[in-house]
PDB file of N, CA and C in Angstrom:
ATOM      1  N   UNK A   1      58.106 112.708  35.305  1.00  0.00           N
ATOM      2  CA  UNK A   1      56.697 112.440  35.182  1.00  0.00           C
ATOM      3  C   UNK A   1      55.997 112.935  36.440  1.00  0.00           C
ATOM      4  N   UNK A   2      54.864 113.571  36.307  1.00  0.00           N
ATOM      5  CA  UNK A   2      54.126 114.143  37.421  1.00  0.00           C
ATOM      6  C   UNK A   2      53.196 113.109  38.032  1.00  0.00           C
ATOM      7  N   UNK A   3      53.133 113.119  39.365  1.00  0.00           N
ATOM      8  CA  UNK A   3      52.227 112.205  40.059  1.00  0.00           C
ATOM      9  C   UNK A   3      50.909 112.877  40.408  1.00  0.00           C
ATOM     10  N   UNK A   4      50.809 114.174  40.108  1.00  0.00           N
ATOM     11  CA  UNK A   4      49.590 114.907  40.416  1.00  0.00           C
ATOM     12  C   UNK A   4      48.517 114.604  39.373  1.00  0.00           C
ATOM     13  N   UNK A   5      47.253 114.493  39.806  1.00  0.00           N
ATOM     14  CA  UNK A   5      46.178 114.291  38.826  1.00  0.00           C
ATOM     15  C   UNK A   5      46.005 115.548  37.983  1.00  0.00           C
ATOM     16  N   UNK A   6      45.516 115.380  36.762  1.00  0.00           N
ATOM     17  CA  UNK A   6      45.309 116.521  35.870  1.00  0.00           C
ATOM     18  C   UNK A   6      44.026 117.248  36.234  1.00  0.00           C
ATOM     19  N   UNK A   7      44.128 118.112  37.239  1.00  0.00           N
ATOM     20  CA  UNK A   7      42.993 118.906  37.679  1.00  0.00           C
ATOM     21  C   UNK A   7      43.037 120.224  36.933  1.00  0.00           C
ATOM     22  N   UNK A   8      41.956 120.594  36.253  1.00  0.00           N
ATOM     23  CA  UNK A   8      41.975 121.871  35.537  1.00  0.00           C
ATOM     24  C   UNK A   8      42.177 123.041  36.506  1.00  0.00           C
ATOM     25  N   UNK A   9      43.044 123.962  36.107  1.00  0.00           N
ATOM     26  CA  UNK A   9      43.320 125.133  36.933  1.00  0.00           C
ATOM     27  C   UNK A   9      42.344 126.251  36.573  1.00  0.00           C
ATOM     28  N   UNK A  10      41.998 127.052  37.573  1.00  0.00           N
ATOM     29  CA  UNK A  10      41.180 128.232  37.311  1.00  0.00           C
ATOM     30  C   UNK A  10      42.048 129.267  36.602  1.00  0.00           C
ATOM     31  N   UNK A  11      41.416 130.274  36.023  1.00  0.00           N
ATOM     32  CA  UNK A  11      42.159 131.335  35.337  1.00  0.00           C
ATOM     33  C   UNK A  11      43.125 132.017  36.306  1.00  0.00           C
ATOM     34  N   UNK A  12      42.684 132.222  37.531  1.00  0.00           N
ATOM     35  CA  UNK A  12      43.531 132.874  38.527  1.00  0.00           C
ATOM     36  C   UNK A  12      44.756 132.000  38.847  1.00  0.00           C
ATOM     37  N   UNK A  13      44.549 130.684  38.959  1.00  0.00           N
ATOM     38  CA  UNK A  13      45.654 129.772  39.238  1.00  0.00           C
ATOM     39  C   UNK A  13      46.628 129.718  38.053  1.00  0.00           C
ATOM     40  N   UNK A  14      46.080 129.769  36.835  1.00  0.00           N
ATOM     41  CA  UNK A  14      46.930 129.785  35.643  1.00  0.00           C
ATOM     42  C   UNK A  14      47.770 131.059  35.606  1.00  0.00           C
ATOM     43  N   UNK A  15      47.164 132.184  36.016  1.00  0.00           N
ATOM     44  CA  UNK A  15      47.896 133.449  36.050  1.00  0.00           C
ATOM     45  C   UNK A  15      49.018 133.382  37.087  1.00  0.00           C
ATOM     46  N   UNK A  16      48.749 132.792  38.251  1.00  0.00           N
ATOM     47  CA  UNK A  16      49.784 132.643  39.276  1.00  0.00           C
ATOM     48  C   UNK A  16      50.929 131.773  38.757  1.00  0.00           C
ATOM     49  N   UNK A  17      50.593 130.704  38.047  1.00  0.00           N
ATOM     50  CA  UNK A  17      51.621 129.834  37.477  1.00  0.00           C
ATOM     51  C   UNK A  17      52.446 130.590  36.436  1.00  0.00           C
ATOM     52  N   UNK A  18      51.790 131.412  35.630  1.00  0.00           N
ATOM     53  CA  UNK A  18      52.504 132.201  34.622  1.00  0.00           C
ATOM     54  C   UNK A  18      53.458 133.178  35.281  1.00  0.00           C
ATOM     55  N   UNK A  19      53.044 133.771  36.400  1.00  0.00           N
ATOM     56  CA  UNK A  19      53.934 134.697  37.125  1.00  0.00           C
ATOM     57  C   UNK A  19      55.154 133.931  37.618  1.00  0.00           C
ATOM     58  N   UNK A  20      54.940 132.721  38.110  1.00  0.00           N
ATOM     59  CA  UNK A  20      56.063 131.895  38.572  1.00  0.00           C
ATOM     60  C   UNK A  20      56.985 131.554  37.404  1.00  0.00           C
ATOM     61  N   UNK A  21      56.410 131.224  36.240  1.00  0.00           N
ATOM     62  CA  UNK A  21      57.193 130.816  35.078  1.00  0.00           C
ATOM     63  C   UNK A  21      57.875 131.989  34.365  1.00  0.00           C
ATOM     64  N   UNK A  22      57.191 133.123  34.263  1.00  0.00           N
ATOM     65  CA  UNK A  22      57.685 134.228  33.431  1.00  0.00           C
ATOM     66  C   UNK A  22      58.050 135.485  34.199  1.00  0.00           C
ATOM     67  N   UNK A  23      57.785 135.520  35.500  1.00  0.00           N
ATOM     68  CA  UNK A  23      58.219 136.627  36.337  1.00  0.00           C
ATOM     69  C   UNK A  23      57.593 137.966  35.998  1.00  0.00           C
ATOM     70  N   UNK A  24      58.433 138.993  36.019  1.00  0.00           N
ATOM     71  CA  UNK A  24      57.969 140.364  35.854  1.00  0.00           C
ATOM     72  C   UNK A  24      57.323 140.621  34.500  1.00  0.00           C
ATOM     73  N   UNK A  25      57.709 139.865  33.483  1.00  0.00           N
ATOM     74  CA  UNK A  25      57.149 140.095  32.148  1.00  0.00           C
ATOM     75  C   UNK A  25      55.639 139.933  32.149  1.00  0.00           C
ATOM     76  N   UNK A  26      55.151 138.871  32.767  1.00  0.00           N
ATOM     77  CA  UNK A  26      53.713 138.631  32.792  1.00  0.00           C
ATOM     78  C   UNK A  26      53.000 139.710  33.612  1.00  0.00           C
ATOM     79  N   UNK A  27      53.623 140.161  34.681  1.00  0.00           N
ATOM     80  CA  UNK A  27      53.008 141.199  35.519  1.00  0.00           C
ATOM     81  C   UNK A  27      52.918 142.512  34.750  1.00  0.00           C
ATOM     82  N   UNK A  28      54.019 142.908  34.114  1.00  0.00           N
ATOM     83  CA  UNK A  28      54.031 144.162  33.357  1.00  0.00           C
ATOM     84  C   UNK A  28      53.009 144.117  32.230  1.00  0.00           C
ATOM     85  N   UNK A  29      52.965 143.002  31.499  1.00  0.00           N
ATOM     86  CA  UNK A  29      52.018 142.880  30.387  1.00  0.00           C
ATOM     87  C   UNK A  29      50.580 142.930  30.890  1.00  0.00           C
ATOM     88  N   UNK A  30      50.282 142.184  31.961  1.00  0.00           N
ATOM     89  CA  UNK A  30      48.906 142.146  32.462  1.00  0.00           C
ATOM     90  C   UNK A  30      48.473 143.506  33.014  1.00  0.00           C
ATOM     91  N   UNK A  31      49.339 144.159  33.737  1.00  0.00           N
ATOM     92  CA  UNK A  31      49.003 145.494  34.263  1.00  0.00           C
ATOM     93  C   UNK A  31      48.786 146.472  33.113  1.00  0.00           C
ATOM     94  N   UNK A  32      49.604 146.368  32.086  1.00  0.00           N
ATOM     95  CA  UNK A  32      49.463 147.269  30.934  1.00  0.00           C
ATOM     96  C   UNK A  32      48.124 147.078  30.241  1.00  0.00           C
ATOM     97  N   UNK A  33      47.745 145.815  29.956  1.00  0.00           N
ATOM     98  CA  UNK A  33      46.461 145.628  29.283  1.00  0.00           C
ATOM     99  C   UNK A  33      45.294 145.945  30.211  1.00  0.00           C
ATOM    100  N   UNK A  34      45.480 145.784  31.516  1.00  0.00           N
ATOM    101  CA  UNK A  34      44.429 146.159  32.461  1.00  0.00           C
ATOM    102  C   UNK A  34      44.214 147.665  32.471  1.00  0.00           C
ATOM    103  N   UNK A  35      45.305 148.423  32.452  1.00  0.00           N
ATOM    104  CA  UNK A  35      45.184 149.882  32.420  1.00  0.00           C
ATOM    105  C   UNK A  35      44.556 150.356  31.113  1.00  0.00           C
ATOM    106  N   UNK A  36      44.945 149.718  30.013  1.00  0.00           N
ATOM    107  CA  UNK A  36      44.342 150.062  28.723  1.00  0.00           C
ATOM    108  C   UNK A  36      42.848 149.736  28.725  1.00  0.00           C
ATOM    109  N   UNK A  37      42.494 148.609  29.320  1.00  0.00           N
ATOM    110  CA  UNK A  37      41.089 148.206  29.400  1.00  0.00           C
ATOM    111  C   UNK A  37      40.282 149.200  30.236  1.00  0.00           C
ATOM    112  N   UNK A  38      40.815 149.541  31.389  1.00  0.00           N
ATOM    113  CA  UNK A  38      40.104 150.484  32.256  1.00  0.00           C
ATOM    114  C   UNK A  38      39.964 151.839  31.572  1.00  0.00           C
ATOM    115  N   UNK A  39      41.032 152.297  30.935  1.00  0.00           N
ATOM    116  CA  UNK A  39      40.964 153.572  30.215  1.00  0.00           C
ATOM    117  C   UNK A  39      39.959 153.521  29.082  1.00  0.00           C
ATOM    118  N   UNK A  40      39.961 152.426  28.345  1.00  0.00           N
ATOM    119  CA  UNK A  40      39.000 152.262  27.254  1.00  0.00           C
ATOM    120  C   UNK A  40      37.568 152.231  27.747  1.00  0.00           C
ATOM    121  N   UNK A  41      37.336 151.512  28.844  1.00  0.00           N
ATOM    122  CA  UNK A  41      35.987 151.465  29.423  1.00  0.00           C
ATOM    123  C   UNK A  41      35.545 152.850  29.876  1.00  0.00           C
ATOM    124  N   UNK A  42      36.471 153.594  30.476  1.00  0.00           N
ATOM    125  CA  UNK A  42      36.132 154.939  30.934  1.00  0.00           C
ATOM    126  C   UNK A  42      35.763 155.839  29.751  1.00  0.00           C
ATOM    127  N   UNK A  43      36.551 155.754  28.683  1.00  0.00           N
ATOM    128  CA  UNK A  43      36.262 156.570  27.496  1.00  0.00           C
ATOM    129  C   UNK A  43      34.891 156.204  26.927  1.00  0.00           C
ATOM    130  N   UNK A  44      34.593 154.911  26.841  1.00  0.00           N
ATOM    131  CA  UNK A  44      33.295 154.479  26.313  1.00  0.00           C
ATOM    132  C   UNK A  44      32.142 154.994  27.164  1.00  0.00           C
ATOM    133  N   UNK A  45      32.266 154.815  28.485  1.00  0.00           N
ATOM    134  CA  UNK A  45      31.184 155.237  29.383  1.00  0.00           C
ATOM    135  C   UNK A  45      31.033 156.751  29.362  1.00  0.00           C
ATOM    136  N   UNK A  46      32.146 157.480  29.402  1.00  0.00           N
ATOM    137  CA  UNK A  46      32.060 158.941  29.416  1.00  0.00           C
ATOM    138  C   UNK A  46      31.609 159.505  28.074  1.00  0.00           C
ATOM    139  N   UNK A  47      31.752 158.710  27.005  1.00  0.00           N
ATOM    140  CA  UNK A  47      31.303 159.140  25.675  1.00  0.00           C
ATOM    141  C   UNK A  47      29.814 158.917  25.460  1.00  0.00           C
ATOM    142  N   UNK A  48      29.180 158.293  26.423  1.00  0.00           N
ATOM    143  CA  UNK A  48      27.744 158.100  26.326  1.00  0.00           C
ATOM    144  C   UNK A  48      27.306 156.779  25.737  1.00  0.00           C
ATOM    145  N   UNK A  49      28.218 155.814  25.655  1.00  0.00           N
ATOM    146  CA  UNK A  49      27.837 154.495  25.155  1.00  0.00           C
ATOM    147  C   UNK A  49      26.788 153.901  26.103  1.00  0.00           C
ATOM    148  N   UNK A  50      25.789 153.274  25.530  1.00  0.00           N
ATOM    149  CA  UNK A  50      24.702 152.693  26.321  1.00  0.00           C
ATOM    150  C   UNK A  50      25.176 151.409  26.991  1.00  0.00           C
ATOM    151  N   UNK A  51      25.729 151.549  28.204  1.00  0.00           N
ATOM    152  CA  UNK A  51      26.268 150.414  28.945  1.00  0.00           C
ATOM    153  C   UNK A  51      25.161 149.418  29.281  1.00  0.00           C
ATOM    154  N   UNK A  52      23.982 149.911  29.558  1.00  0.00           N
ATOM    155  CA  UNK A  52      22.856 149.036  29.872  1.00  0.00           C
ATOM    156  C   UNK A  52      22.564 148.092  28.704  1.00  0.00           C
ATOM    157  N   UNK A  53      22.619 148.589  27.486  1.00  0.00           N
ATOM    158  CA  UNK A  53      22.395 147.742  26.307  1.00  0.00           C
ATOM    159  C   UNK A  53      23.504 146.702  26.165  1.00  0.00           C
ATOM    160  N   UNK A  54      24.735 147.099  26.464  1.00  0.00           N
ATOM    161  CA  UNK A  54      25.853 146.151  26.391  1.00  0.00           C
ATOM    162  C   UNK A  54      25.678 145.048  27.425  1.00  0.00           C
ATOM    163  N   UNK A  55      25.281 145.434  28.639  1.00  0.00           N
ATOM    164  CA  UNK A  55      25.065 144.432  29.687  1.00  0.00           C
ATOM    165  C   UNK A  55      23.966 143.455  29.293  1.00  0.00           C
ATOM    166  N   UNK A  56      22.901 143.985  28.709  1.00  0.00           N
ATOM    167  CA  UNK A  56      21.822 143.107  28.260  1.00  0.00           C
ATOM    168  C   UNK A  56      22.286 142.205  27.129  1.00  0.00           C
ATOM    169  N   UNK A  57      23.113 142.724  26.230  1.00  0.00           N
ATOM    170  CA  UNK A  57      23.628 141.924  25.115  1.00  0.00           C
ATOM    171  C   UNK A  57      24.426 140.725  25.629  1.00  0.00           C
ATOM    172  N   UNK A  58      25.246 140.955  26.668  1.00  0.00           N
ATOM    173  CA  UNK A  58      26.044 139.882  27.250  1.00  0.00           C
ATOM    174  C   UNK A  58      25.286 139.118  28.331  1.00  0.00           C
ATOM    175  N   UNK A  59      23.979 139.361  28.427  1.00  0.00           N
ATOM    176  CA  UNK A  59      23.105 138.669  29.376  1.00  0.00           C
ATOM    177  C   UNK A  59      23.545 138.865  30.829  1.00  0.00           C
ATOM    178  N   UNK A  60      23.956 140.092  31.141  1.00  0.00           N
ATOM    179  CA  UNK A  60      24.321 140.453  32.505  1.00  0.00           C
ATOM    180  C   UNK A  60      23.221 141.372  33.013  1.00  0.00           C
ATOM    181  N   UNK A  61      22.305 140.806  33.771  1.00  0.00           N
ATOM    182  CA  UNK A  61      21.151 141.590  34.162  1.00  0.00           C
ATOM    183  C   UNK A  61      20.998 141.799  35.643  1.00  0.00           C
ATOM    184  N   UNK A  62      21.886 141.230  36.416  1.00  0.00           N
ATOM    185  CA  UNK A  62      21.762 141.379  37.854  1.00  0.00           C
ATOM    186  C   UNK A  62      23.111 141.729  38.447  1.00  0.00           C
ATOM    187  N   UNK A  63      23.090 142.153  39.674  1.00  0.00           N
ATOM    188  CA  UNK A  63      24.335 142.434  40.366  1.00  0.00           C
ATOM    189  C   UNK A  63      24.584 143.910  40.546  1.00  0.00           C
ATOM    190  N   UNK A  64      25.713 144.176  41.169  1.00  0.00           N
ATOM    191  CA  UNK A  64      26.061 145.545  41.548  1.00  0.00           C
ATOM    192  C   UNK A  64      26.258 146.448  40.336  1.00  0.00           C
ATOM    193  N   UNK A  65      26.872 145.927  39.273  1.00  0.00           N
ATOM    194  CA  UNK A  65      27.104 146.773  38.096  1.00  0.00           C
ATOM    195  C   UNK A  65      25.793 147.196  37.460  1.00  0.00           C
ATOM    196  N   UNK A  66      24.877 146.265  37.283  1.00  0.00           N
ATOM    197  CA  UNK A  66      23.578 146.597  36.696  1.00  0.00           C
ATOM    198  C   UNK A  66      22.871 147.640  37.554  1.00  0.00           C
ATOM    199  N   UNK A  67      22.936 147.479  38.883  1.00  0.00           N
ATOM    200  CA  UNK A  67      22.327 148.452  39.795  1.00  0.00           C
ATOM    201  C   UNK A  67      23.016 149.803  39.700  1.00  0.00           C
ATOM    202  N   UNK A  68      24.344 149.806  39.546  1.00  0.00           N
ATOM    203  CA  UNK A  68      25.073 151.069  39.428  1.00  0.00           C
ATOM    204  C   UNK A  68      24.689 151.813  38.163  1.00  0.00           C
ATOM    205  N   UNK A  69      24.555 151.070  37.067  1.00  0.00           N
ATOM    206  CA  UNK A  69      24.194 151.707  35.799  1.00  0.00           C
ATOM    207  C   UNK A  69      22.798 152.310  35.881  1.00  0.00           C
ATOM    208  N   UNK A  70      21.867 151.586  36.469  1.00  0.00           N
ATOM    209  CA  UNK A  70      20.495 152.076  36.533  1.00  0.00           C
ATOM    210  C   UNK A  70      20.313 153.169  37.578  1.00  0.00           C
ATOM    211  N   UNK A  71      21.272 153.327  38.492  1.00  0.00           N
ATOM    212  CA  UNK A  71      21.129 154.349  39.530  1.00  0.00           C
ATOM    213  C   UNK A  71      21.948 155.599  39.250  1.00  0.00           C
ATOM    214  N   UNK A  72      22.476 155.728  38.046  1.00  0.00           N
ATOM    215  CA  UNK A  72      23.289 156.891  37.681  1.00  0.00           C
ATOM    216  C   UNK A  72      24.521 157.042  38.559  1.00  0.00           C
ATOM    217  N   UNK A  73      25.233 155.947  38.800  1.00  0.00           N
ATOM    218  CA  UNK A  73      26.479 156.002  39.564  1.00  0.00           C
ATOM    219  C   UNK A  73      27.503 156.789  38.762  1.00  0.00           C
ATOM    220  N   UNK A  74      28.600 157.114  39.394  1.00  0.00           N
ATOM    221  CA  UNK A  74      29.649 157.880  38.726  1.00  0.00           C
ATOM    222  C   UNK A  74      30.235 157.150  37.537  1.00  0.00           C
ATOM    223  N   UNK A  75      30.764 157.916  36.612  1.00  0.00           N
ATOM    224  CA  UNK A  75      31.335 157.370  35.389  1.00  0.00           C
ATOM    225  C   UNK A  75      32.435 156.359  35.682  1.00  0.00           C
ATOM    226  N   UNK A  76      33.334 156.693  36.607  1.00  0.00           N
ATOM    227  CA  UNK A  76      34.436 155.783  36.908  1.00  0.00           C
ATOM    228  C   UNK A  76      33.939 154.484  37.512  1.00  0.00           C
ATOM    229  N   UNK A  77      32.950 154.545  38.382  1.00  0.00           N
ATOM    230  CA  UNK A  77      32.413 153.341  39.026  1.00  0.00           C
ATOM    231  C   UNK A  77      31.839 152.400  37.966  1.00  0.00           C
ATOM    232  N   UNK A  78      31.089 152.942  37.040  1.00  0.00           N
ATOM    233  CA  UNK A  78      30.497 152.126  35.982  1.00  0.00           C
ATOM    234  C   UNK A  78      31.602 151.574  35.075  1.00  0.00           C
ATOM    235  N   UNK A  79      32.561 152.409  34.706  1.00  0.00           N
ATOM    236  CA  UNK A  79      33.665 151.959  33.850  1.00  0.00           C
ATOM    237  C   UNK A  79      34.458 150.849  34.537  1.00  0.00           C
ATOM    238  N   UNK A  80      34.702 150.992  35.820  1.00  0.00           N
ATOM    239  CA  UNK A  80      35.448 149.978  36.564  1.00  0.00           C
ATOM    240  C   UNK A  80      34.666 148.660  36.606  1.00  0.00           C
ATOM    241  N   UNK A  81      33.362 148.756  36.781  1.00  0.00           N
ATOM    242  CA  UNK A  81      32.529 147.554  36.784  1.00  0.00           C
ATOM    243  C   UNK A  81      32.566 146.818  35.460  1.00  0.00           C
ATOM    244  N   UNK A  82      32.469 147.560  34.372  1.00  0.00           N
ATOM    245  CA  UNK A  82      32.543 146.952  33.041  1.00  0.00           C
ATOM    246  C   UNK A  82      33.927 146.322  32.848  1.00  0.00           C
ATOM    247  N   UNK A  83      34.948 147.043  33.269  1.00  0.00           N
ATOM    248  CA  UNK A  83      36.329 146.557  33.191  1.00  0.00           C
ATOM    249  C   UNK A  83      36.473 145.228  33.947  1.00  0.00           C
ATOM    250  N   UNK A  84      35.895 145.110  35.114  1.00  0.00           N
ATOM    251  CA  UNK A  84      35.990 143.890  35.924  1.00  0.00           C
ATOM    252  C   UNK A  84      35.282 142.714  35.264  1.00  0.00           C
ATOM    253  N   UNK A  85      34.197 142.972  34.567  1.00  0.00           N
ATOM    254  CA  UNK A  85      33.469 141.902  33.890  1.00  0.00           C
ATOM    255  C   UNK A  85      34.365 141.209  32.869  1.00  0.00           C
ATOM    256  N   UNK A  86      35.236 141.970  32.238  1.00  0.00           N
ATOM    257  CA  UNK A  86      36.089 141.422  31.193  1.00  0.00           C
ATOM    258  C   UNK A  86      37.435 140.917  31.712  1.00  0.00           C
ATOM    259  N   UNK A  87      37.563 140.734  33.033  1.00  0.00           N
ATOM    260  CA  UNK A  87      38.801 140.202  33.616  1.00  0.00           C
ATOM    261  C   UNK A  87      39.183 138.838  33.031  1.00  0.00           C
ATOM    262  N   UNK A  88      38.244 137.907  32.866  1.00  0.00           N
ATOM    263  CA  UNK A  88      38.638 136.615  32.286  1.00  0.00           C
ATOM    264  C   UNK A  88      39.246 136.753  30.887  1.00  0.00           C
ATOM    265  N   UNK A  89      38.750 137.675  30.102  1.00  0.00           N
ATOM    266  CA  UNK A  89      39.308 137.890  28.766  1.00  0.00           C
ATOM    267  C   UNK A  89      40.727 138.444  28.868  1.00  0.00           C
ATOM    268  N   UNK A  90      40.953 139.378  29.793  1.00  0.00           N
ATOM    269  CA  UNK A  90      42.298 139.936  29.965  1.00  0.00           C
ATOM    270  C   UNK A  90      43.274 138.864  30.435  1.00  0.00           C
ATOM    271  N   UNK A  91      42.831 138.005  31.339  1.00  0.00           N
ATOM    272  CA  UNK A  91      43.698 136.921  31.821  1.00  0.00           C
ATOM    273  C   UNK A  91      44.023 135.970  30.674  1.00  0.00           C
ATOM    274  N   UNK A  92      43.025 135.645  29.867  1.00  0.00           N
ATOM    275  CA  UNK A  92      43.266 134.754  28.720  1.00  0.00           C
ATOM    276  C   UNK A  92      44.262 135.369  27.744  1.00  0.00           C
ATOM    277  N   UNK A  93      44.131 136.656  27.481  1.00  0.00           N
ATOM    278  CA  UNK A  93      45.070 137.341  26.592  1.00  0.00           C
ATOM    279  C   UNK A  93      46.482 137.297  27.183  1.00  0.00           C
ATOM    280  N   UNK A  94      46.587 137.559  28.483  1.00  0.00           N
ATOM    281  CA  UNK A  94      47.889 137.528  29.149  1.00  0.00           C
ATOM    282  C   UNK A  94      48.517 136.143  29.049  1.00  0.00           C
ATOM    283  N   UNK A  95      47.738 135.114  29.358  1.00  0.00           N
ATOM    284  CA  UNK A  95      48.272 133.750  29.343  1.00  0.00           C
ATOM    285  C   UNK A  95      48.658 133.299  27.940  1.00  0.00           C
ATOM    286  N   UNK A  96      47.959 133.788  26.943  1.00  0.00           N
ATOM    287  CA  UNK A  96      48.260 133.414  25.558  1.00  0.00           C
ATOM    288  C   UNK A  96      49.461 134.182  25.013  1.00  0.00           C
ATOM    289  N   UNK A  97      49.525 135.456  25.304  1.00  0.00           N
ATOM    290  CA  UNK A  97      50.557 136.312  24.702  1.00  0.00           C
ATOM    291  C   UNK A  97      51.909 136.247  25.407  1.00  0.00           C
ATOM    292  N   UNK A  98      51.929 136.035  26.715  1.00  0.00           N
ATOM    293  CA  UNK A  98      53.184 136.123  27.467  1.00  0.00           C
ATOM    294  C   UNK A  98      54.276 135.172  26.969  1.00  0.00           C
ATOM    295  N   UNK A  99      53.994 133.900  26.690  1.00  0.00           N
ATOM    296  CA  UNK A  99      55.081 133.039  26.203  1.00  0.00           C
ATOM    297  C   UNK A  99      55.718 133.578  24.916  1.00  0.00           C
ATOM    298  N   UNK A 100      54.906 134.130  24.021  1.00  0.00           N
ATOM    299  CA  UNK A 100      55.433 134.700  22.784  1.00  0.00           C
ATOM    300  C   UNK A 100      56.278 135.941  23.060  1.00  0.00           C
ATOM    301  N   UNK A 101      55.817 136.769  23.988  1.00  0.00           N
ATOM    302  CA  UNK A 101      56.555 137.982  24.349  1.00  0.00           C
ATOM    303  C   UNK A 101      57.895 137.621  24.977  1.00  0.00           C
ATOM    304  N   UNK A 102      57.877 136.662  25.899  1.00  0.00           N
ATOM    305  CA  UNK A 102      59.124 136.246  26.561  1.00  0.00           C
ATOM    306  C   UNK A 102      60.094 135.654  25.542  1.00  0.00           C
ATOM    307  N   UNK A 103      59.593 134.814  24.650  1.00  0.00           N
ATOM    308  CA  UNK A 103      60.440 134.215  23.619  1.00  0.00           C
ATOM    309  C   UNK A 103      61.077 135.309  22.748  1.00  0.00           C
ATOM    310  N   UNK A 104      60.282 136.296  22.374  1.00  0.00           N
ATOM    311  CA  UNK A 104      60.789 137.403  21.554  1.00  0.00           C
ATOM    312  C   UNK A 104      61.838 138.209  22.320  1.00  0.00           C
ATOM    313  N   UNK A 105      61.544 138.548  23.578  1.00  0.00           N
ATOM    314  CA  UNK A 105      62.481 139.344  24.376  1.00  0.00           C
ATOM    315  C   UNK A 105      63.785 138.593  24.612  1.00  0.00           C
ATOM    316  N   UNK A 106      63.710 137.272  24.747  1.00  0.00           N
ATOM    317  CA  UNK A 106      64.938 136.477  24.879  1.00  0.00           C
ATOM    318  C   UNK A 106      65.716 136.464  23.576  1.00  0.00           C
ATOM    319  N   UNK A 107      65.020 136.344  22.456  1.00  0.00           N
ATOM    320  CA  UNK A 107      65.677 136.273  21.150  1.00  0.00           C
ATOM    321  C   UNK A 107      66.430 137.570  20.838  1.00  0.00           C
ATOM    322  N   UNK A 108      65.850 138.724  21.213  1.00  0.00           N
ATOM    323  CA  UNK A 108      66.524 139.991  20.914  1.00  0.00           C
ATOM    324  C   UNK A 108      67.485 140.423  22.022  1.00  0.00           C
ATOM    325  N   UNK A 109      67.586 139.597  23.077  1.00  0.00           N
ATOM    326  CA  UNK A 109      68.586 139.839  24.109  1.00  0.00           C
ATOM    327  C   UNK A 109      68.168 140.705  25.270  1.00  0.00           C
ATOM    328  N   UNK A 110      66.905 141.055  25.355  1.00  0.00           N
ATOM    329  CA  UNK A 110      66.455 141.875  26.486  1.00  0.00           C
ATOM    330  C   UNK A 110      66.317 141.020  27.750  1.00  0.00           C
ATOM    331  N   UNK A 111      65.815 139.799  27.594  1.00  0.00           N
ATOM    332  CA  UNK A 111      65.710 138.870  28.715  1.00  0.00           C
ATOM    333  C   UNK A 111      66.722 137.760  28.528  1.00  0.00           C
ATOM    334  N   UNK A 112      67.259 137.270  29.654  1.00  0.00           N
ATOM    335  CA  UNK A 112      68.159 136.130  29.610  1.00  0.00           C
ATOM    336  C   UNK A 112      67.334 134.859  29.528  1.00  0.00           C
ATOM    337  N   UNK A 113      67.908 133.820  28.952  1.00  0.00           N
ATOM    338  CA  UNK A 113      67.242 132.522  28.915  1.00  0.00           C
ATOM    339  C   UNK A 113      67.087 132.005  30.328  1.00  0.00           C
ATOM    340  N   UNK A 114      66.018 131.212  30.549  1.00  0.00           N
ATOM    341  CA  UNK A 114      65.781 130.694  31.892  1.00  0.00           C
ATOM    342  C   UNK A 114      66.896 129.739  32.291  1.00  0.00           C
ATOM    343  N   UNK A 115      67.268 129.779  33.575  1.00  0.00           N
ATOM    344  CA  UNK A 115      68.353 128.941  34.092  1.00  0.00           C
ATOM    345  C   UNK A 115      67.961 127.469  34.130  1.00  0.00           C
ATOM    346  N   UNK A 116      66.660 127.197  34.253  1.00  0.00           N
ATOM    347  CA  UNK A 116      66.190 125.823  34.349  1.00  0.00           C
ATOM    348  C   UNK A 116      66.208 125.114  33.007  1.00  0.00           C
ATOM    349  N   UNK A 117      66.388 125.856  31.927  1.00  0.00           N
ATOM    350  CA  UNK A 117      66.421 125.247  30.603  1.00  0.00           C
ATOM    351  C   UNK A 117      65.042 124.906  30.070  1.00  0.00           C
ATOM    352  N   UNK A 118      64.003 125.308  30.784  1.00  0.00           N
ATOM    353  CA  UNK A 118      62.637 125.092  30.309  1.00  0.00           C
ATOM    354  C   UNK A 118      62.222 123.640  30.306  1.00  0.00           C
ATOM    355  N   UNK A 119      62.772 122.830  31.199  1.00  0.00           N
ATOM    356  CA  UNK A 119      62.429 121.408  31.225  1.00  0.00           C
ATOM    357  C   UNK A 119      61.063 121.137  31.781  1.00  0.00           C
ATOM    358  N   UNK A 120      60.039 121.238  30.931  1.00  0.00           N
ATOM    359  CA  UNK A 120      58.666 121.025  31.400  1.00  0.00           C
ATOM    360  C   UNK A 120      58.157 119.753  30.850  1.00  0.00           C
TER     361      UNK A 120
END
């Protein structure tokens, strides 16, 4: 039984805990979806998608990204900014998907079962 109070963890703290629990699997998965996200954002921005309209749709009207879009910053800078805005979504996807991925990889024999026996 835990003596710690149930303090909600931030997304970043949850990601750190997942790295501790699942190791390299969570890192590889998160880096992969981050690269896909950045590549997708770059393709959208370079294809001429109206990033300003997207920012307004999500009620993002201030800050460095909005200023970069309105000042004709480079394509990569704008794509990276859009990519960063969606970091919480990527973290949520990582935290949700990783336990299923680890369970699957253990079942097919790619990963060994945890030595601790998963006593949580």
